[in-house]
Protein backbone atom coordinates (compact mmCIF):
# COMPACT_ATOMS: atom_id res chain seq x y z
CA MET A 1 -59.27 -156.10 24.30
CA TRP A 2 -60.83 -157.30 21.03
CA ALA A 3 -58.69 -154.89 19.05
CA ASP A 4 -55.55 -156.32 20.64
CA PHE A 5 -56.72 -159.87 19.99
CA PHE A 6 -57.46 -159.25 16.32
CA GLU A 7 -54.38 -157.11 15.82
CA VAL A 8 -51.95 -159.63 17.30
CA GLY A 9 -53.63 -162.55 15.54
CA ALA A 10 -53.73 -160.78 12.20
CA ARG A 11 -50.14 -159.64 12.33
CA LYS A 12 -48.93 -163.13 13.31
CA ARG A 13 -50.58 -164.42 10.14
CA VAL A 14 -48.81 -161.77 8.01
CA LEU A 15 -51.25 -159.18 6.73
CA ASP A 16 -50.16 -159.19 3.10
CA SER A 17 -51.04 -162.88 2.64
CA ASP A 18 -53.69 -163.94 0.13
CA ASN A 19 -54.96 -166.67 2.43
CA PRO A 20 -58.80 -166.41 2.82
CA ASN A 21 -58.57 -166.81 6.60
CA THR A 22 -56.06 -163.97 6.78
CA LEU A 23 -58.33 -161.76 4.69
CA ASN A 24 -61.21 -162.55 7.02
CA ASN A 25 -59.04 -161.63 10.02
CA MET A 26 -58.06 -158.38 8.32
CA ALA A 27 -61.73 -157.56 7.67
CA SER A 28 -62.56 -158.29 11.32
CA LEU A 29 -59.70 -156.08 12.47
CA ALA A 30 -60.85 -153.26 10.16
CA ALA A 31 -64.34 -153.50 11.67
CA THR A 32 -62.89 -153.42 15.18
CA TYR A 33 -60.83 -150.34 14.34
CA GLY A 34 -64.04 -148.68 13.18
CA GLU A 35 -65.84 -149.54 16.41
CA LEU A 36 -62.94 -147.97 18.32
CA GLY A 37 -63.01 -144.83 16.18
CA ARG A 38 -59.61 -145.58 14.67
CA TRP A 39 -60.90 -144.55 11.27
CA GLY A 40 -57.61 -144.11 9.44
CA GLU A 41 -56.57 -147.67 10.26
CA ALA A 42 -60.04 -148.99 9.47
CA ILE A 43 -59.97 -147.38 6.02
CA GLU A 44 -56.39 -148.47 5.27
CA LEU A 45 -57.14 -152.07 6.17
CA GLY A 46 -60.53 -152.03 4.45
CA LEU A 47 -58.89 -150.86 1.23
CA ARG A 48 -56.29 -153.64 1.44
CA VAL A 49 -58.99 -156.24 1.89
CA LEU A 50 -61.04 -154.85 -0.99
CA ASN A 51 -58.13 -154.60 -3.40
CA THR A 52 -56.95 -158.11 -2.57
CA ARG A 53 -60.42 -159.55 -3.04
CA LYS A 54 -60.73 -157.75 -6.38
CA ARG A 55 -57.43 -159.25 -7.52
CA LEU A 56 -58.21 -162.77 -6.33
CA LEU A 57 -61.95 -163.00 -6.99
CA GLY A 58 -62.82 -160.23 -9.41
CA GLU A 59 -64.78 -157.00 -8.94
CA THR A 60 -68.23 -158.57 -9.08
CA HIS A 61 -67.77 -161.55 -6.78
CA PRO A 62 -70.22 -161.49 -3.81
CA THR A 63 -67.35 -161.50 -1.31
CA THR A 64 -65.73 -158.55 -3.08
CA LEU A 65 -69.03 -156.69 -3.03
CA ASN A 66 -69.32 -157.34 0.71
CA ALA A 67 -65.87 -155.82 1.24
CA MET A 68 -66.89 -152.87 -0.92
CA ALA A 69 -70.06 -152.33 1.12
CA GLU A 70 -68.13 -152.54 4.41
CA LEU A 71 -65.65 -149.91 3.24
CA ALA A 72 -68.54 -147.71 2.08
CA VAL A 73 -70.02 -147.86 5.58
CA THR A 74 -66.70 -146.69 7.02
CA TYR A 75 -66.50 -143.83 4.52
CA PHE A 76 -70.08 -142.86 5.43
CA LYS A 77 -69.30 -142.80 9.16
CA VAL A 78 -66.35 -140.43 8.67
CA GLY A 79 -68.37 -138.11 6.43
CA ARG A 80 -66.70 -139.09 3.16
CA TRP A 81 -70.08 -139.33 1.49
CA GLU A 82 -68.89 -138.95 -2.11
CA ASP A 83 -66.52 -141.90 -1.63
CA ALA A 84 -69.29 -143.90 0.03
CA GLU A 85 -71.66 -143.08 -2.83
CA ALA A 86 -69.22 -144.29 -5.48
CA LEU A 87 -68.89 -147.66 -3.75
CA TYR A 88 -72.60 -148.04 -3.05
CA LEU A 89 -73.45 -147.35 -6.71
CA LYS A 90 -71.22 -150.23 -7.74
CA VAL A 91 -72.57 -152.53 -5.04
CA VAL A 92 -76.20 -151.80 -5.93
CA GLU A 93 -75.59 -152.29 -9.64
CA GLU A 94 -73.86 -155.64 -9.21
CA ARG A 95 -76.16 -157.00 -6.50
CA LYS A 96 -79.17 -156.30 -8.72
CA LYS A 97 -77.53 -158.42 -11.44
CA LEU A 98 -76.35 -161.21 -9.16
CA LEU A 99 -79.09 -161.41 -6.55
CA GLY A 100 -82.08 -159.56 -7.99
CA ILE A 101 -83.80 -156.46 -6.66
CA GLU A 102 -85.84 -158.37 -4.06
CA HIS A 103 -82.86 -159.86 -2.24
CA PRO A 104 -82.31 -158.43 1.28
CA ASP A 105 -78.67 -157.54 0.51
CA THR A 106 -79.71 -155.61 -2.61
CA LEU A 107 -82.39 -153.71 -0.71
CA LYS A 108 -79.97 -152.99 2.12
CA SER A 109 -77.40 -151.49 -0.25
CA MET A 110 -80.11 -149.48 -2.00
CA THR A 111 -81.17 -148.06 1.36
CA GLU A 112 -77.56 -147.23 2.19
CA LEU A 113 -77.14 -145.48 -1.17
CA ALA A 114 -80.34 -143.52 -0.56
CA THR A 115 -79.12 -142.51 2.90
CA THR A 116 -75.83 -141.36 1.38
CA ASN A 117 -77.72 -139.29 -1.20
CA PHE A 118 -79.68 -137.84 1.71
CA LYS A 119 -76.46 -136.75 3.39
CA LEU A 120 -75.30 -135.22 0.10
CA GLU A 121 -78.61 -133.29 0.02
CA ARG A 122 -79.67 -135.09 -3.14
CA TYR A 123 -83.13 -135.50 -1.76
CA ASN A 124 -84.92 -136.30 -5.01
CA GLU A 125 -82.53 -139.17 -5.75
CA ALA A 126 -82.91 -140.40 -2.18
CA GLU A 127 -86.70 -140.22 -2.48
CA THR A 128 -86.70 -142.31 -5.67
CA LEU A 129 -84.60 -145.02 -4.04
CA TYR A 130 -86.62 -145.03 -0.82
CA ILE A 131 -89.86 -145.41 -2.80
CA THR A 132 -88.41 -148.33 -4.77
CA VAL A 133 -87.22 -150.06 -1.58
CA LEU A 134 -90.60 -149.45 0.06
CA GLU A 135 -92.58 -150.88 -2.84
CA VAL A 136 -90.40 -154.00 -2.99
CA ARG A 137 -90.60 -154.56 0.76
CA LYS A 138 -94.38 -154.17 0.69
CA SER A 139 -94.61 -156.68 -2.15
CA VAL A 140 -92.28 -159.25 -0.58
CA LEU A 141 -92.86 -158.78 3.15
CA GLY A 142 -96.23 -157.10 3.50
CA ASN A 143 -97.28 -153.71 4.89
CA GLU A 144 -96.68 -154.48 8.56
CA HIS A 145 -93.23 -156.08 8.47
CA ARG A 146 -90.52 -154.30 10.45
CA ASP A 147 -88.37 -153.73 7.37
CA THR A 148 -91.36 -152.25 5.54
CA LEU A 149 -91.99 -149.89 8.45
CA GLU A 150 -88.33 -148.85 8.40
CA ALA A 151 -88.53 -148.11 4.68
CA LEU A 152 -91.71 -146.10 5.21
CA ALA A 153 -90.11 -144.14 8.05
CA ASN A 154 -87.07 -143.29 5.90
CA LEU A 155 -89.35 -141.99 3.15
CA ALA A 156 -91.26 -139.86 5.68
CA VAL A 157 -88.02 -138.25 6.84
CA ALA A 158 -86.99 -137.64 3.23
CA TYR A 159 -90.32 -135.91 2.60
CA GLY A 160 -89.61 -133.67 5.56
CA SER A 161 -86.25 -132.69 4.09
CA LEU A 162 -88.04 -131.89 0.82
CA GLU A 163 -90.47 -129.76 2.89
CA ARG A 164 -93.36 -131.89 1.70
CA TRP A 165 -94.85 -131.61 5.13
CA ASN A 166 -98.28 -133.10 4.44
CA ASN A 167 -96.64 -136.24 3.06
CA ALA A 168 -94.19 -136.35 5.96
CA VAL A 169 -96.93 -136.09 8.59
CA GLU A 170 -99.22 -138.57 6.80
CA LEU A 171 -96.49 -141.21 6.50
CA GLY A 172 -95.17 -140.50 9.98
CA LEU A 173 -98.60 -141.10 11.49
CA LEU A 174 -99.04 -144.29 9.46
CA VAL A 175 -95.66 -145.65 10.56
CA LEU A 176 -96.31 -144.82 14.20
CA GLU A 177 -99.79 -146.34 14.36
CA THR A 178 -98.68 -149.50 12.54
CA SER A 179 -95.63 -149.86 14.78
CA LYS A 180 -97.78 -149.51 17.89
CA LYS A 181 -100.05 -152.26 16.55
CA VAL A 182 -97.25 -154.63 15.50
CA LEU A 183 -94.47 -153.93 18.01
CA GLY A 184 -96.21 -152.24 20.92
CA ASP A 185 -96.16 -148.72 22.36
CA GLU A 186 -92.84 -149.08 24.19
CA HIS A 187 -90.76 -150.88 21.57
CA PRO A 188 -87.55 -148.92 20.77
CA LYS A 189 -88.55 -148.65 17.09
CA THR A 190 -92.00 -147.35 18.01
CA LEU A 191 -90.38 -144.75 20.26
CA ARG A 192 -88.01 -143.74 17.44
CA PHE A 193 -90.87 -143.39 14.97
CA MET A 194 -92.66 -141.27 17.58
CA ALA A 195 -89.58 -139.07 17.91
CA ASP A 196 -89.38 -138.77 14.13
CA LEU A 197 -92.94 -137.48 13.95
CA ALA A 198 -92.27 -135.12 16.86
CA VAL A 199 -89.36 -133.62 14.91
CA THR A 200 -91.66 -133.05 11.94
CA TYR A 201 -94.21 -131.33 14.18
CA TYR A 202 -91.40 -129.25 15.68
CA LYS A 203 -90.27 -128.07 12.25
CA LEU A 204 -93.87 -127.15 11.42
CA GLU A 205 -93.95 -125.12 14.65
CA ARG A 206 -96.66 -127.37 16.00
CA TRP A 207 -95.02 -127.11 19.41
CA ASN A 208 -97.92 -128.56 21.42
CA ASP A 209 -98.12 -131.65 19.23
CA ALA A 210 -94.34 -132.06 19.45
CA GLU A 211 -94.48 -131.71 23.25
CA THR A 212 -97.16 -134.41 23.54
CA LEU A 213 -95.07 -136.90 21.57
CA TYR A 214 -91.77 -136.04 23.27
CA LEU A 215 -93.35 -136.63 26.67
CA GLN A 216 -94.38 -140.11 25.53
CA VAL A 217 -90.95 -140.80 24.02
CA LEU A 218 -89.22 -139.74 27.20
CA ALA A 219 -91.48 -141.83 29.44
CA GLY A 220 -90.98 -144.87 27.20
CA ARG A 221 -87.22 -144.52 26.97
CA LYS A 222 -86.87 -144.05 30.73
CA LYS A 223 -88.82 -147.26 31.29
CA VAL A 224 -87.12 -149.33 28.59
CA LEU A 225 -83.57 -147.91 28.53
CA GLY A 226 -83.12 -146.20 31.88
CA ASN A 227 -82.57 -142.60 32.90
CA GLU A 228 -78.92 -142.38 31.85
CA HIS A 229 -79.09 -143.92 28.38
CA PRO A 230 -77.99 -141.57 25.55
CA GLU A 231 -81.36 -142.00 23.77
CA THR A 232 -83.20 -141.06 26.96
CA LEU A 233 -81.03 -137.98 27.36
CA LYS A 234 -81.67 -137.08 23.72
CA ALA A 235 -85.40 -137.26 24.37
CA MET A 236 -84.98 -135.03 27.44
CA THR A 237 -83.03 -132.52 25.37
CA ASP A 238 -85.64 -132.47 22.59
CA LEU A 239 -88.42 -131.97 25.13
CA ALA A 240 -86.44 -129.17 26.82
CA VAL A 241 -85.98 -127.40 23.47
CA THR A 242 -89.73 -127.73 22.83
CA TYR A 243 -90.46 -126.25 26.27
CA TYR A 244 -88.18 -123.37 25.30
CA ARG A 245 -90.22 -122.80 22.13
CA LEU A 246 -93.42 -122.87 24.16
CA GLU A 247 -91.85 -120.33 26.55
CA LYS A 248 -92.10 -122.81 29.40
CA LEU A 249 -88.71 -121.67 30.59
CA ASP A 250 -89.02 -123.08 34.11
CA ASP A 251 -89.74 -126.55 32.71
CA ALA A 252 -86.89 -126.21 30.22
CA GLU A 253 -84.50 -125.14 32.97
CA ALA A 254 -85.47 -128.05 35.23
CA LEU A 255 -84.88 -130.56 32.42
CA TYR A 256 -81.56 -129.05 31.41
CA MET A 257 -80.33 -129.05 35.00
CA HIS A 258 -81.28 -132.74 35.24
CA ILE A 259 -79.55 -133.53 31.94
CA LEU A 260 -76.44 -131.66 33.00
CA GLU A 261 -76.28 -133.50 36.33
CA ILE A 262 -76.53 -136.89 34.62
CA ARG A 263 -73.95 -136.04 31.95
CA ARG A 264 -71.51 -134.75 34.54
CA ASN A 265 -71.87 -137.96 36.55
CA VAL A 266 -71.70 -140.32 33.56
CA LEU A 267 -69.44 -138.51 31.08
CA GLY A 268 -67.51 -135.99 33.16
CA ASN A 269 -67.26 -132.21 32.88
CA GLU A 270 -65.05 -132.18 29.79
CA HIS A 271 -67.19 -134.30 27.49
CA PRO A 272 -68.66 -132.31 24.54
CA ASP A 273 -72.22 -133.40 25.43
CA THR A 274 -71.79 -132.14 28.99
CA ILE A 275 -70.44 -128.84 27.74
CA GLY A 276 -73.29 -128.57 25.25
CA SER A 277 -75.79 -128.97 28.08
CA MET A 278 -74.01 -126.24 30.03
CA VAL A 279 -74.23 -123.93 27.03
CA ASP A 280 -77.94 -124.59 26.57
CA LEU A 281 -78.69 -124.11 30.27
CA ALA A 282 -76.82 -120.81 30.17
CA SER A 283 -79.02 -119.74 27.26
CA ILE A 284 -82.16 -120.60 29.22
CA LEU A 285 -80.96 -118.61 32.23
CA SER A 286 -80.05 -115.67 30.03
CA ASN A 287 -83.50 -115.67 28.42
CA GLN A 288 -85.02 -115.58 31.91
CA GLY A 289 -83.01 -112.44 32.64
CA ARG A 290 -80.77 -114.32 35.10
CA HIS A 291 -77.62 -112.97 33.57
CA ASP A 292 -75.38 -113.43 36.59
CA GLU A 293 -76.14 -117.16 36.76
CA ALA A 294 -75.76 -117.50 32.99
CA GLY A 295 -72.45 -115.65 33.16
CA ALA A 296 -71.16 -117.93 35.92
CA LEU A 297 -72.05 -120.98 33.81
CA ASN A 298 -70.35 -119.49 30.77
CA VAL A 299 -67.22 -118.98 32.87
CA GLN A 300 -67.31 -122.69 33.74
CA VAL A 301 -67.58 -123.51 30.02
CA ARG A 302 -64.51 -121.39 29.25
CA GLU A 303 -62.56 -122.95 32.12
CA VAL A 304 -63.37 -126.46 30.91
CA LYS A 305 -62.41 -125.45 27.39
CA GLU A 306 -59.08 -124.12 28.58
CA ALA A 307 -58.47 -127.24 30.67
CA ALA A 308 -59.09 -129.53 27.72
CA LEU A 309 -57.99 -127.78 24.55
CA ASP A 310 -58.89 -130.77 22.40
CA VAL A 311 -62.59 -130.53 23.30
CA GLN A 312 -64.63 -128.76 20.65
CA VAL A 313 -67.26 -126.51 22.15
CA ARG A 314 -70.16 -124.71 20.58
CA GLU A 315 -70.02 -120.93 20.86
CA VAL A 316 -71.98 -119.61 23.81
CA SER A 317 -74.91 -117.53 22.61
CA GLY A 318 -78.60 -116.94 23.18
CA GLY A 319 -79.33 -119.19 20.20
CA ALA A 320 -77.58 -122.30 21.45
CA LEU A 321 -80.89 -124.16 21.42
CA GLU A 322 -81.70 -123.53 17.78
CA ASN A 323 -80.35 -126.81 16.40
CA SER A 324 -80.85 -129.08 19.37
CA VAL A 325 -83.80 -131.08 18.09
CA GLU A 326 -82.94 -134.43 16.62
CA GLU A 327 -81.96 -134.20 12.94
CA ASP A 328 -80.20 -137.36 11.76
CA ARG A 329 -83.13 -139.74 11.71
CA ILE A 330 -82.55 -141.79 8.57
CA GLU A 331 -81.81 -145.42 9.40
CA MET A 332 -79.42 -147.51 7.33
């Protein structure tokens, strides 16, 4: 609906106009395309807005920098991280000059650049930026502000990627305890910080510690978000994978069956997440020696795949659970 509204309105105003209102409509339409997953159109329109603003206002005008940052976000979301990095570098450089390093927009773009470096596996560069953002936020906002906690959490995740596990656990615990104090045990951010720490424990093979946290995350998300929310289902999946590692196969099976039932009802049989749950449940059954049941489930996966050729499905194997635990935890 919104896409149609913006599209019709923008085209009536003639998209190649230099009128500021038209440019604003074009930017809104580009954002709507992104929300709808129409990435090619979002990028094309975002580039037109940026190039026009450069021509009319100059490369360093705040409005031009905003357009640059918006296009960088789109590039990031489609995995064009080198293109996103190039834009973020320019945005950070100019916002430091225009606004100063303590301005929220400068810190936001620095965080986005760090996150892009993280995706490019330039962890040392990401760490340096995250530390700078953290120190500024502490100085300006204090140790317990939400933005400071977010910066601290990002640094903890970066330490995990650098395999600096002691630092990752220490910061993760600090973030979690402070968030509980400031926001409460059931706040969505507290639950995310808890999940972050659980992932770190999981990677350290501290399965029991991970299980304890995932149980709390799941209970909190069920209460706050409901049983069918994607974040709740993610918590269920992470807990099921941890049960698998602990060889609690009956518990893992029960959770995966529950997840599969919900995803079938909410998303349908052909959705990639539903198929992924089928694959993982088949792996659990196979590891229990229930090969006939696993085989029947694998047949269903193949039938769904054949019925919807455009659905991308993970290969069915005994190791389908290996990469199920939450990985992309950095927040922009």
